[in-house]
Protein backbone atom coordinates (compact mmCIF):
# COMPACT_ATOMS: atom_id res chain seq x y z
CA MET A 1 0.00 0.00 0.00
CA PRO A 2 1.65 3.36 -1.01
CA LEU A 3 2.59 5.81 1.73
CA LEU A 4 0.59 9.03 1.80
CA SER A 5 2.77 12.10 1.39
CA ALA A 6 2.54 14.78 4.06
CA PRO A 7 0.47 17.84 3.14
CA PRO A 8 2.38 21.05 2.47
CA ALA A 9 3.05 23.31 5.43
CA LEU A 10 1.15 26.10 3.67
CA ARG A 11 -0.98 26.36 0.54
CA LEU A 12 -2.71 29.51 -0.72
CA GLY A 13 -5.11 29.16 -3.62
CA SER A 14 -6.20 32.25 -5.60
CA VAL A 15 -5.96 34.38 -2.46
CA SER A 16 -6.99 38.03 -2.73
CA LEU A 17 -7.31 40.70 -0.06
CA VAL A 18 -9.30 43.85 -0.83
CA ARG A 19 -9.50 46.92 1.40
CA ASP A 20 -11.34 50.12 0.38
CA GLY A 21 -11.53 48.89 -3.19
CA ARG A 22 -7.78 48.29 -3.40
CA HIS A 23 -6.18 44.87 -3.86
CA LEU A 24 -3.53 44.41 -1.17
CA LEU A 25 -3.11 40.86 -2.49
CA ASP A 26 -4.34 39.77 -5.90
CA ASP A 27 -4.82 36.12 -6.95
CA VAL A 28 -1.90 34.66 -5.00
CA ASP A 29 -1.14 30.96 -5.54
CA TRP A 30 1.67 29.70 -3.33
CA THR A 31 2.72 26.39 -1.79
CA VAL A 32 5.33 25.96 0.94
CA ALA A 33 6.46 22.33 1.11
CA GLN A 34 7.42 20.63 4.35
CA GLY A 35 11.03 21.40 5.28
CA SER A 36 11.49 24.19 2.72
CA ARG A 37 13.07 27.57 3.48
CA TRP A 38 11.31 30.45 1.71
CA VAL A 39 12.14 34.13 1.39
CA VAL A 40 9.34 36.57 0.53
CA LEU A 41 10.96 39.64 -1.01
CA GLY A 42 9.40 42.87 -2.15
CA PRO A 43 9.25 46.64 -1.61
CA ASN A 44 7.28 48.40 1.10
CA GLY A 45 3.57 48.17 0.40
CA SER A 46 3.89 45.07 -1.76
CA GLY A 47 1.63 42.99 0.51
CA LYS A 48 4.30 40.98 2.34
CA SER A 49 2.95 41.55 5.86
CA SER A 50 -0.65 40.95 4.73
CA LEU A 51 0.50 37.67 3.20
CA LEU A 52 2.07 36.59 6.48
CA ARG A 53 -0.96 37.64 8.54
CA ILE A 54 -3.12 35.42 6.35
CA ALA A 55 -0.61 32.56 6.59
CA SER A 56 -0.58 32.89 10.39
CA LEU A 57 -4.41 32.76 10.45
CA TYR A 58 -4.83 36.22 11.99
CA LEU A 59 -6.41 37.64 8.83
CA HIS A 60 -9.03 36.18 6.50
CA PRO A 61 -8.62 36.78 2.77
CA SER A 62 -11.41 38.39 0.76
CA SER A 63 -11.40 35.34 -1.50
CA GLY A 64 -9.43 32.16 -2.08
CA THR A 65 -8.42 29.22 0.10
CA VAL A 66 -5.83 28.94 2.87
CA GLU A 67 -4.54 25.58 4.08
CA VAL A 68 -2.04 25.27 6.93
CA LEU A 69 -0.56 21.88 7.82
CA GLY A 70 -3.34 20.13 5.96
CA GLU A 71 -6.21 22.06 7.58
CA ARG A 72 -8.32 24.65 5.78
CA LEU A 73 -9.13 28.08 7.14
CA GLY A 74 -12.88 28.19 7.80
CA ARG A 75 -13.06 24.47 8.60
CA ALA A 76 -10.52 24.28 11.44
CA ASP A 77 -10.30 25.64 15.00
CA VAL A 78 -7.87 28.51 14.35
CA ARG A 79 -7.07 28.90 18.07
CA ARG A 80 -5.73 25.35 18.14
CA LEU A 81 -4.09 25.56 14.72
CA ARG A 82 -2.27 28.80 15.61
CA THR A 83 -0.37 26.91 18.33
CA ARG A 84 1.26 24.90 15.51
CA ILE A 85 2.58 28.06 13.82
CA GLY A 86 5.60 29.96 15.13
CA VAL A 87 5.37 33.69 14.41
CA ALA A 88 7.91 36.47 15.02
CA SER A 89 7.21 40.08 14.06
CA ALA A 90 7.72 43.62 15.32
CA GLY A 91 4.04 43.65 16.24
CA MET A 92 4.54 40.63 18.46
CA ALA A 93 7.34 42.37 20.38
CA ASP A 94 5.08 45.39 20.96
CA MET A 95 2.36 43.18 22.47
CA LEU A 96 4.66 41.63 25.09
CA ARG A 97 4.84 43.13 28.58
CA ALA A 98 8.28 44.63 29.24
CA GLU A 99 8.60 42.99 32.68
CA LEU A 100 8.36 39.43 31.34
CA THR A 101 11.53 37.37 31.47
CA ALA A 102 12.93 35.84 28.31
CA SER A 103 11.80 32.47 29.66
CA ASP A 104 8.24 33.78 30.04
CA VAL A 105 8.24 35.23 26.52
CA VAL A 106 9.23 31.86 25.10
CA VAL A 107 7.17 29.50 27.27
CA THR A 108 3.88 31.33 26.67
CA ALA A 109 4.10 30.43 22.98
CA LYS A 110 3.03 26.90 23.94
CA HIS A 111 -0.56 28.18 24.09
CA ALA A 112 -0.13 31.16 21.72
CA ALA A 113 -0.53 33.37 24.82
CA LEU A 114 1.03 36.68 25.86
CA GLU A 115 1.00 36.28 29.65
CA PRO A 116 2.26 33.37 31.76
CA TRP A 117 -0.67 33.46 34.22
CA TRP A 118 -3.20 32.56 31.53
CA HIS A 119 -2.06 28.91 31.59
CA ARG A 120 -0.02 26.57 33.79
CA TYR A 121 3.52 25.60 32.80
CA ASP A 122 5.46 22.74 34.36
CA GLU A 123 9.17 22.03 34.68
CA ALA A 124 9.25 20.29 31.31
CA ASP A 125 7.82 23.42 29.67
CA ARG A 126 10.50 25.59 31.28
CA GLU A 127 13.20 23.16 30.18
CA ARG A 128 11.83 23.29 26.64
CA ALA A 129 11.92 27.11 26.72
CA ALA A 130 15.52 27.02 27.97
CA ALA A 131 16.48 24.63 25.17
CA CYS A 132 14.86 26.90 22.55
CA LEU A 133 16.77 29.91 23.89
CA ALA A 134 20.02 27.96 23.91
CA GLY A 135 19.34 26.78 20.37
CA VAL A 136 19.38 30.35 19.05
CA GLY A 137 22.35 31.45 21.14
CA ALA A 138 20.29 33.19 23.82
CA GLY A 139 20.53 30.74 26.70
CA HIS A 140 22.27 33.31 28.90
CA LEU A 141 19.25 35.62 28.61
CA GLU A 142 16.78 33.22 30.20
CA GLN A 143 16.12 35.25 33.37
CA ARG A 144 16.63 38.71 31.90
CA THR A 145 13.55 40.91 31.58
CA PHE A 146 12.49 41.75 28.04
CA SER A 147 12.88 45.50 28.61
CA THR A 148 16.59 45.14 29.43
CA LEU A 149 17.46 43.33 26.20
CA SER A 150 19.03 44.96 23.17
CA SER A 151 17.12 44.91 19.89
CA GLY A 152 19.22 42.01 18.64
CA GLU A 153 18.73 40.05 21.86
CA ARG A 154 14.98 40.59 21.67
CA GLN A 155 14.89 39.23 18.15
CA ARG A 156 16.74 36.10 19.23
CA VAL A 157 14.27 35.61 22.09
CA LEU A 158 11.37 36.03 19.66
CA LEU A 159 13.03 33.53 17.34
CA ALA A 160 13.26 31.06 20.24
CA ARG A 161 9.57 31.73 20.94
CA THR A 162 8.64 30.54 17.44
CA LEU A 163 10.22 27.15 18.18
CA MET A 164 8.62 26.59 21.61
CA PRO A 165 5.43 24.79 20.47
CA GLU A 166 7.40 22.50 18.13
CA PRO A 167 5.59 24.10 15.19
CA GLY A 168 5.02 22.74 11.72
CA LEU A 169 5.51 26.19 10.18
CA VAL A 170 7.63 29.21 11.20
CA LEU A 171 6.84 32.71 9.89
CA LEU A 172 9.35 35.55 10.36
CA ASP A 173 8.20 39.05 9.43
CA GLU A 174 11.26 41.28 8.87
CA PRO A 175 13.09 40.00 11.98
CA THR A 176 16.13 42.22 11.31
CA ALA A 177 14.11 45.46 11.15
CA GLY A 178 15.58 48.10 13.47
CA LEU A 179 18.82 46.22 14.11
CA ASP A 180 22.22 47.79 13.68
CA LEU A 181 24.79 46.15 11.41
CA GLY A 182 26.22 43.90 14.13
CA GLY A 183 22.78 42.84 15.33
CA ARG A 184 21.61 42.14 11.79
CA GLU A 185 24.62 40.01 10.93
CA ASP A 186 24.34 38.10 14.21
CA LEU A 187 20.69 37.30 13.55
CA VAL A 188 21.27 36.37 9.89
CA ALA A 189 23.94 33.91 11.05
CA GLY A 190 21.49 32.45 13.57
CA LEU A 191 18.87 32.02 10.86
CA ALA A 192 21.42 30.27 8.65
CA ASP A 193 22.12 27.83 11.51
CA LEU A 194 18.41 27.13 11.88
CA ALA A 195 18.03 26.63 8.13
CA ALA A 196 20.81 24.04 8.21
CA ASP A 197 19.11 22.05 10.99
CA PRO A 198 16.86 19.36 9.44
CA ALA A 199 14.69 19.48 12.58
CA THR A 200 13.67 23.07 11.80
CA PRO A 201 10.19 23.11 10.22
CA ALA A 202 9.22 24.85 7.02
CA THR A 203 10.24 28.49 7.40
CA VAL A 204 9.16 31.70 5.67
CA LEU A 205 11.27 34.85 6.02
CA VAL A 206 9.86 38.20 4.89
CA THR A 207 12.32 40.97 4.00
CA HIS A 208 12.93 43.75 1.48
CA HIS A 209 16.74 43.42 1.47
CA VAL A 210 18.58 40.67 -0.42
CA GLU A 211 21.50 41.20 1.97
CA GLU A 212 19.34 39.70 4.71
CA ILE A 213 18.78 36.36 2.94
CA PRO A 214 20.56 33.77 5.12
CA ASP A 215 22.58 30.95 3.66
CA GLY A 216 20.44 27.81 3.41
CA PHE A 217 17.20 29.46 2.33
CA ASP A 218 16.27 27.73 -0.90
CA HIS A 219 13.10 29.28 -2.37
CA LEU A 220 12.03 32.81 -3.25
CA LEU A 221 8.72 34.58 -3.82
CA LEU A 222 8.95 38.03 -5.40
CA LEU A 223 5.94 40.20 -4.55
CA ALA A 224 5.02 43.62 -5.95
CA GLU A 225 1.73 45.52 -5.69
CA GLY A 226 0.06 42.46 -4.19
CA ARG A 227 0.91 40.13 -7.07
CA ILE A 228 3.51 37.40 -7.46
CA LEU A 229 6.13 38.37 -10.03
CA ALA A 230 8.12 35.15 -9.70
CA SER A 231 8.27 32.12 -7.43
CA GLY A 232 10.45 29.04 -7.18
CA PRO A 233 13.96 27.86 -6.28
CA LEU A 234 16.00 30.87 -5.19
CA GLU A 235 18.89 30.15 -7.53
CA ASP A 236 16.50 30.15 -10.51
CA VAL A 237 14.34 33.14 -9.54
CA LEU A 238 16.76 35.70 -8.11
CA ASP A 239 18.53 37.70 -10.80
CA ALA A 240 19.09 41.39 -11.52
CA ASP A 241 16.25 41.65 -14.05
CA ALA A 242 13.65 40.10 -11.75
CA LEU A 243 14.85 42.18 -8.80
CA SER A 244 14.77 45.38 -10.87
CA ALA A 245 11.21 44.66 -11.99
CA CYS A 246 10.16 43.93 -8.42
CA PHE A 247 11.55 47.17 -6.96
CA GLY A 248 10.93 49.38 -9.97
CA THR A 249 14.51 50.53 -10.39
CA ARG A 250 17.56 49.27 -12.28
CA LEU A 251 19.62 47.12 -9.94
CA ARG A 252 22.74 45.03 -10.09
CA LEU A 253 23.07 41.82 -8.14
CA GLU A 254 26.05 39.86 -6.95
CA ARG A 255 26.67 36.86 -4.73
CA ARG A 256 29.73 36.73 -2.52
CA HIS A 257 30.59 34.36 0.34
CA ASP A 258 27.13 32.72 0.19
CA ARG A 259 25.37 36.10 0.57
CA TRP A 260 23.55 38.31 -1.94
CA TRP A 261 24.18 42.01 -2.52
CA ALA A 262 22.19 44.49 -4.63
CA TRP A 263 22.82 48.11 -5.57
CA ALA A 264 21.68 50.70 -8.10
CA PRO A 265 24.44 51.68 -10.54
CA ARG A 266 25.10 55.39 -11.05
């Protein structure tokens, strides 16, 4: 009897999002296979964050279908399904109380909660949170309060939070935003380490800078004005012409030391 293949981590079918008569997303078809590492790249206002909010089940599309880990939006208990999705975004950081410890920030992800008193957590949960922090190089921050952490340290704690519930899908919305050069490079290196770990689930990274694409990410979706310009294996999709069309300006592109660099010639 043939083995059934696992459903994709994420599948969007003809997804559109309309607000005030304007298409923020327009007829998006996209599949994220189990274990894949995707980058969603596009300029400000291209619909990247709306795409991730739909993928994380916090926003319903105007039309189309959304399937996460084999379950369809509208037919599944989204509160339960959200616990199987790890999400890190600037908005998430703003929702967390400053007095929480790094351990609290991470452990509460087990129930997709924001406060530790909403649920009970046992010693095994705390050990899991400590292991997630250690796994992203933030083990020494376990008892530090969130307000005392640098921007880079906060992003590592939020990254650890995405891994706490042993998710089937991880969504990262511009995790390097607001970081200085050292913090950005530190986090990009951490993401490359996660990408190299076969235990890491399917991961989607949203950015508008090719310099922030970590080594090990293997697929790319180019988004502009709510529409997909190109999608597929990163090595096939990412070139100067496609990037120029996406950002609406003539760009050059180069790869050095397993990293990408783009600039506008003068």
